Amino acid sequence: MNFKDTLETLPAADHLRGLDIVDTAGAVIHHIPAAPGKMGSLRVYHALAQRFGGALTPQAVQQGLDWFAEHVADARAKPGAHPNIDWLLKEGAGQAGWRLVPLPA
């Protein structure tokens, strides 16, 4: 399934103003805003938060990469071009204890 088709299966994120990735100390290490061009990523991360209880586990990382589909190859080839995918590709992302925190609007 490609990214566009996958998005149609994920829960809406219109009720959010964004989502934070938070480290074990509670610091926000990345923010995904509810903004044009970011809504697909917000929907993926929101769905991951729901499915994995807010934990960014190795399984959540793999699921996120699966959902981002064809964009993962481009993110690997062009680091920085897809910052929301880059977080899933970071070494040890699934073992870092990061939490996904959806932010209600």
N, C-alpha and C. Protein backbone atom coordinates (compact mmCIF):
# COMPACT_ATOMS: atom_id res chain seq x y z
N MET A 1 0.86 -1.18 0.00
CA MET A 1 0.00 0.00 0.00
C MET A 1 0.90 1.24 0.00
N ASN A 2 0.53 2.24 -0.76
CA ASN A 2 1.32 3.47 -0.78
C ASN A 2 0.84 4.43 0.32
N PHE A 3 1.59 5.52 0.49
CA PHE A 3 1.31 6.46 1.58
C PHE A 3 -0.09 7.04 1.48
N LYS A 4 -0.48 7.46 0.29
CA LYS A 4 -1.80 8.07 0.10
C LYS A 4 -2.91 7.10 0.49
N ASP A 5 -2.81 5.86 0.05
CA ASP A 5 -3.82 4.85 0.39
C ASP A 5 -3.82 4.55 1.89
N THR A 6 -2.64 4.50 2.48
CA THR A 6 -2.53 4.24 3.92
C THR A 6 -3.21 5.35 4.71
N LEU A 7 -2.99 6.60 4.32
CA LEU A 7 -3.59 7.73 5.05
C LEU A 7 -5.11 7.60 5.14
N GLU A 8 -5.71 7.09 4.09
CA GLU A 8 -7.17 6.93 4.08
C GLU A 8 -7.65 5.94 5.14
N THR A 9 -6.76 5.08 5.62
CA THR A 9 -7.14 4.08 6.63
C THR A 9 -6.86 4.54 8.06
N LEU A 10 -6.14 5.64 8.21
CA LEU A 10 -5.74 6.11 9.55
C LEU A 10 -6.77 7.08 10.12
N PRO A 11 -6.83 7.16 11.45
CA PRO A 11 -7.77 8.10 12.07
C PRO A 11 -7.44 9.55 11.72
N ALA A 12 -8.46 10.35 11.68
CA ALA A 12 -8.29 11.79 11.42
C ALA A 12 -7.51 12.43 12.57
N ALA A 13 -6.88 13.55 12.26
CA ALA A 13 -6.13 14.29 13.29
C ALA A 13 -6.56 15.76 13.31
N ASP A 14 -7.73 16.05 12.73
CA ASP A 14 -8.22 17.43 12.65
C ASP A 14 -8.45 18.05 14.03
N HIS A 15 -8.65 17.23 15.01
CA HIS A 15 -8.94 17.71 16.36
C HIS A 15 -7.66 18.01 17.16
N LEU A 16 -6.51 17.88 16.50
CA LEU A 16 -5.23 18.14 17.17
C LEU A 16 -4.61 19.43 16.68
N ARG A 17 -3.84 20.08 17.55
CA ARG A 17 -3.04 21.23 17.13
C ARG A 17 -1.61 20.81 16.83
N GLY A 18 -1.32 19.52 17.08
CA GLY A 18 -0.01 18.97 16.79
C GLY A 18 0.26 17.75 17.64
N LEU A 19 1.51 17.30 17.62
CA LEU A 19 1.94 16.16 18.40
C LEU A 19 3.39 16.38 18.76
N ASP A 20 3.73 16.07 20.01
CA ASP A 20 5.11 16.18 20.46
C ASP A 20 5.73 14.80 20.63
N ILE A 21 7.00 14.70 20.29
CA ILE A 21 7.80 13.54 20.68
C ILE A 21 8.59 14.01 21.90
N VAL A 22 8.44 13.26 22.99
CA VAL A 22 8.99 13.67 24.28
C VAL A 22 10.00 12.62 24.73
N ASP A 23 11.15 13.08 25.26
CA ASP A 23 12.16 12.14 25.74
C ASP A 23 11.84 11.68 27.16
N THR A 24 12.70 10.84 27.72
CA THR A 24 12.44 10.26 29.05
C THR A 24 12.47 11.30 30.16
N ALA A 25 13.09 12.45 29.93
CA ALA A 25 13.11 13.52 30.92
C ALA A 25 11.89 14.44 30.80
N GLY A 26 11.06 14.19 29.79
CA GLY A 26 9.87 15.01 29.59
C GLY A 26 10.08 16.20 28.67
N ALA A 27 11.26 16.30 28.07
CA ALA A 27 11.54 17.41 27.16
C ALA A 27 11.01 17.09 25.76
N VAL A 28 10.43 18.10 25.14
CA VAL A 28 9.96 17.96 23.76
C VAL A 28 11.19 17.97 22.86
N ILE A 29 11.40 16.87 22.12
CA ILE A 29 12.54 16.79 21.22
C ILE A 29 12.15 17.01 19.77
N HIS A 30 10.84 16.94 19.49
CA HIS A 30 10.36 17.20 18.13
C HIS A 30 8.87 17.52 18.21
N HIS A 31 8.44 18.43 17.38
CA HIS A 31 7.02 18.82 17.33
C HIS A 31 6.54 18.72 15.89
N ILE A 32 5.38 18.11 15.72
CA ILE A 32 4.73 18.05 14.40
C ILE A 32 3.47 18.92 14.51
N PRO A 33 3.44 20.05 13.83
CA PRO A 33 2.27 20.93 13.92
C PRO A 33 1.13 20.46 13.02
N ALA A 34 -0.06 20.87 13.35
CA ALA A 34 -1.22 20.67 12.47
C ALA A 34 -1.18 21.82 11.47
N ALA A 35 -0.43 21.63 10.41
CA ALA A 35 -0.21 22.68 9.42
C ALA A 35 -0.20 22.06 8.03
N PRO A 36 -0.50 22.87 7.02
CA PRO A 36 -0.44 22.35 5.65
C PRO A 36 0.92 21.71 5.37
N GLY A 37 0.89 20.57 4.72
CA GLY A 37 2.11 19.85 4.42
C GLY A 37 2.60 18.94 5.52
N LYS A 38 1.97 19.02 6.69
CA LYS A 38 2.37 18.20 7.85
C LYS A 38 1.25 17.27 8.31
N MET A 39 0.07 17.42 7.74
CA MET A 39 -1.09 16.66 8.25
C MET A 39 -0.94 15.16 8.03
N GLY A 40 -0.30 14.73 6.95
CA GLY A 40 -0.07 13.31 6.75
C GLY A 40 0.81 12.73 7.84
N SER A 41 1.89 13.42 8.14
CA SER A 41 2.77 12.97 9.22
C SER A 41 2.05 12.99 10.56
N LEU A 42 1.25 14.02 10.79
CA LEU A 42 0.51 14.11 12.04
C LEU A 42 -0.44 12.92 12.17
N ARG A 43 -1.10 12.56 11.09
CA ARG A 43 -2.02 11.41 11.12
C ARG A 43 -1.26 10.11 11.41
N VAL A 44 -0.09 9.93 10.80
CA VAL A 44 0.70 8.72 11.05
C VAL A 44 1.11 8.66 12.53
N TYR A 45 1.67 9.73 13.04
CA TYR A 45 2.14 9.72 14.43
C TYR A 45 0.98 9.62 15.42
N HIS A 46 -0.13 10.25 15.10
CA HIS A 46 -1.32 10.14 15.97
C HIS A 46 -1.80 8.69 16.00
N ALA A 47 -1.84 8.04 14.85
CA ALA A 47 -2.25 6.63 14.79
C ALA A 47 -1.27 5.75 15.57
N LEU A 48 0.02 6.05 15.47
CA LEU A 48 1.01 5.30 16.24
C LEU A 48 0.78 5.48 17.74
N ALA A 49 0.50 6.72 18.15
CA ALA A 49 0.24 6.98 19.57
C ALA A 49 -0.96 6.18 20.06
N GLN A 50 -2.00 6.12 19.24
CA GLN A 50 -3.19 5.36 19.62
C GLN A 50 -2.89 3.87 19.68
N ARG A 51 -2.24 3.36 18.67
CA ARG A 51 -2.00 1.91 18.56
C ARG A 51 -1.02 1.39 19.61
N PHE A 52 -0.02 2.21 19.97
CA PHE A 52 1.04 1.75 20.85
C PHE A 52 1.02 2.45 22.21
N GLY A 53 -0.12 3.00 22.58
CA GLY A 53 -0.26 3.60 23.90
C GLY A 53 0.68 4.76 24.17
N GLY A 54 1.06 5.46 23.12
CA GLY A 54 1.92 6.63 23.27
C GLY A 54 3.41 6.30 23.28
N ALA A 55 3.78 5.03 23.33
CA ALA A 55 5.19 4.65 23.38
C ALA A 55 5.74 4.47 21.97
N LEU A 56 6.93 5.01 21.74
CA LEU A 56 7.59 4.79 20.46
C LEU A 56 8.51 3.58 20.61
N THR A 57 7.92 2.42 20.49
CA THR A 57 8.60 1.14 20.63
C THR A 57 9.24 0.73 19.30
N PRO A 58 10.07 -0.32 19.30
CA PRO A 58 10.58 -0.80 18.01
C PRO A 58 9.44 -1.17 17.05
N GLN A 59 8.37 -1.74 17.57
CA GLN A 59 7.23 -2.11 16.72
C GLN A 59 6.55 -0.85 16.16
N ALA A 60 6.45 0.19 16.97
CA ALA A 60 5.85 1.44 16.51
C ALA A 60 6.72 2.08 15.42
N VAL A 61 8.03 2.04 15.62
CA VAL A 61 8.94 2.58 14.60
C VAL A 61 8.73 1.85 13.28
N GLN A 62 8.71 0.52 13.32
CA GLN A 62 8.54 -0.26 12.10
C GLN A 62 7.19 0.02 11.45
N GLN A 63 6.14 0.11 12.27
CA GLN A 63 4.82 0.40 11.73
C GLN A 63 4.80 1.76 11.05
N GLY A 64 5.41 2.76 11.69
CA GLY A 64 5.48 4.09 11.10
C GLY A 64 6.20 4.10 9.77
N LEU A 65 7.32 3.37 9.70
CA LEU A 65 8.06 3.29 8.43
C LEU A 65 7.22 2.58 7.37
N ASP A 66 6.50 1.54 7.77
CA ASP A 66 5.61 0.87 6.81
C ASP A 66 4.55 1.83 6.30
N TRP A 67 3.96 2.62 7.19
CA TRP A 67 2.91 3.55 6.78
C TRP A 67 3.43 4.67 5.89
N PHE A 68 4.65 5.14 6.15
CA PHE A 68 5.23 6.19 5.31
C PHE A 68 5.60 5.65 3.92
N ALA A 69 5.65 4.35 3.78
CA ALA A 69 5.79 3.64 2.51
C ALA A 69 6.91 4.18 1.61
N GLU A 70 6.52 4.63 0.43
CA GLU A 70 7.51 5.03 -0.58
C GLU A 70 8.35 6.24 -0.16
N HIS A 71 7.92 7.00 0.82
CA HIS A 71 8.68 8.18 1.26
C HIS A 71 9.91 7.81 2.08
N VAL A 72 9.95 6.59 2.60
CA VAL A 72 11.09 6.17 3.43
C VAL A 72 12.37 6.09 2.59
N ALA A 73 12.30 5.54 1.39
CA ALA A 73 13.48 5.45 0.53
C ALA A 73 14.03 6.84 0.22
N ASP A 74 13.14 7.79 -0.03
CA ASP A 74 13.57 9.16 -0.30
C ASP A 74 14.19 9.78 0.94
N ALA A 75 13.62 9.50 2.12
CA ALA A 75 14.17 10.03 3.37
C ALA A 75 15.57 9.47 3.63
N ARG A 76 15.77 8.20 3.32
CA ARG A 76 17.11 7.60 3.50
C ARG A 76 18.11 8.21 2.52
N ALA A 77 17.67 8.48 1.31
CA ALA A 77 18.55 9.03 0.28
C ALA A 77 18.84 10.51 0.50
N LYS A 78 17.90 11.21 1.14
CA LYS A 78 18.04 12.66 1.33
C LYS A 78 17.76 13.02 2.79
N PRO A 79 18.69 12.71 3.70
CA PRO A 79 18.47 13.06 5.11
C PRO A 79 18.12 14.55 5.26
N GLY A 80 17.11 14.82 6.06
CA GLY A 80 16.66 16.19 6.27
C GLY A 80 15.49 16.59 5.40
N ALA A 81 15.26 15.86 4.31
CA ALA A 81 14.16 16.19 3.40
C ALA A 81 12.81 15.79 3.99
N HIS A 82 12.81 14.81 4.86
CA HIS A 82 11.58 14.31 5.50
C HIS A 82 11.83 14.21 7.01
N PRO A 83 11.84 15.34 7.71
CA PRO A 83 12.23 15.32 9.12
C PRO A 83 11.38 14.41 10.00
N ASN A 84 10.11 14.25 9.68
CA ASN A 84 9.26 13.40 10.52
C ASN A 84 9.56 11.91 10.32
N ILE A 85 10.04 11.55 9.15
CA ILE A 85 10.50 10.18 8.92
C ILE A 85 11.90 10.00 9.53
N ASP A 86 12.72 11.04 9.45
CA ASP A 86 14.07 10.97 10.01
C ASP A 86 14.06 10.55 11.48
N TRP A 87 13.05 10.99 12.24
CA TRP A 87 12.98 10.61 13.66
C TRP A 87 12.79 9.11 13.82
N LEU A 88 12.05 8.50 12.92
CA LEU A 88 11.87 7.04 12.98
C LEU A 88 13.13 6.30 12.54
N LEU A 89 13.94 6.93 11.70
CA LEU A 89 15.16 6.32 11.20
C LEU A 89 16.36 6.52 12.12
N LYS A 90 16.22 7.35 13.15
CA LYS A 90 17.34 7.60 14.06
C LYS A 90 17.76 6.31 14.75
N GLU A 91 19.04 6.14 14.89
CA GLU A 91 19.60 4.98 15.60
C GLU A 91 18.99 4.89 17.00
N GLY A 92 18.43 3.75 17.32
CA GLY A 92 17.89 3.52 18.65
C GLY A 92 16.57 4.19 18.95
N ALA A 93 15.89 4.72 17.94
CA ALA A 93 14.63 5.44 18.16
C ALA A 93 13.62 4.60 18.95
N GLY A 94 13.53 3.33 18.65
CA GLY A 94 12.54 2.47 19.32
C GLY A 94 12.93 2.06 20.72
N GLN A 95 14.19 2.27 21.10
CA GLN A 95 14.65 1.91 22.43
C GLN A 95 14.91 3.12 23.32
N ALA A 96 14.67 4.31 22.83
CA ALA A 96 15.03 5.53 23.54
C ALA A 96 14.04 5.91 24.64
N GLY A 97 12.88 5.24 24.68
CA GLY A 97 11.88 5.59 25.68
C GLY A 97 11.07 6.82 25.34
N TRP A 98 11.08 7.21 24.07
CA TRP A 98 10.34 8.38 23.65
C TRP A 98 8.85 8.12 23.71
N ARG A 99 8.09 9.17 23.98
CA ARG A 99 6.63 9.11 24.04
C ARG A 99 6.06 10.02 22.95
N LEU A 100 4.90 9.62 22.44
CA LEU A 100 4.16 10.40 21.45
C LEU A 100 2.98 11.04 22.16
N VAL A 101 2.94 12.36 22.17
CA VAL A 101 1.93 13.09 22.92
C VAL A 101 1.08 13.94 21.99
N PRO A 102 -0.12 13.46 21.61
CA PRO A 102 -1.02 14.29 20.80
C PRO A 102 -1.48 15.51 21.60
N LEU A 103 -1.58 16.65 20.94
CA LEU A 103 -1.96 17.91 21.58
C LEU A 103 -3.34 18.33 21.09
N PRO A 104 -4.37 18.23 21.94
CA PRO A 104 -5.72 18.62 21.52
C PRO A 104 -5.76 20.10 21.12
N ALA A 105 -6.60 20.41 20.15
CA ALA A 105 -6.75 21.80 19.69
C ALA A 105 -7.43 22.64 20.75
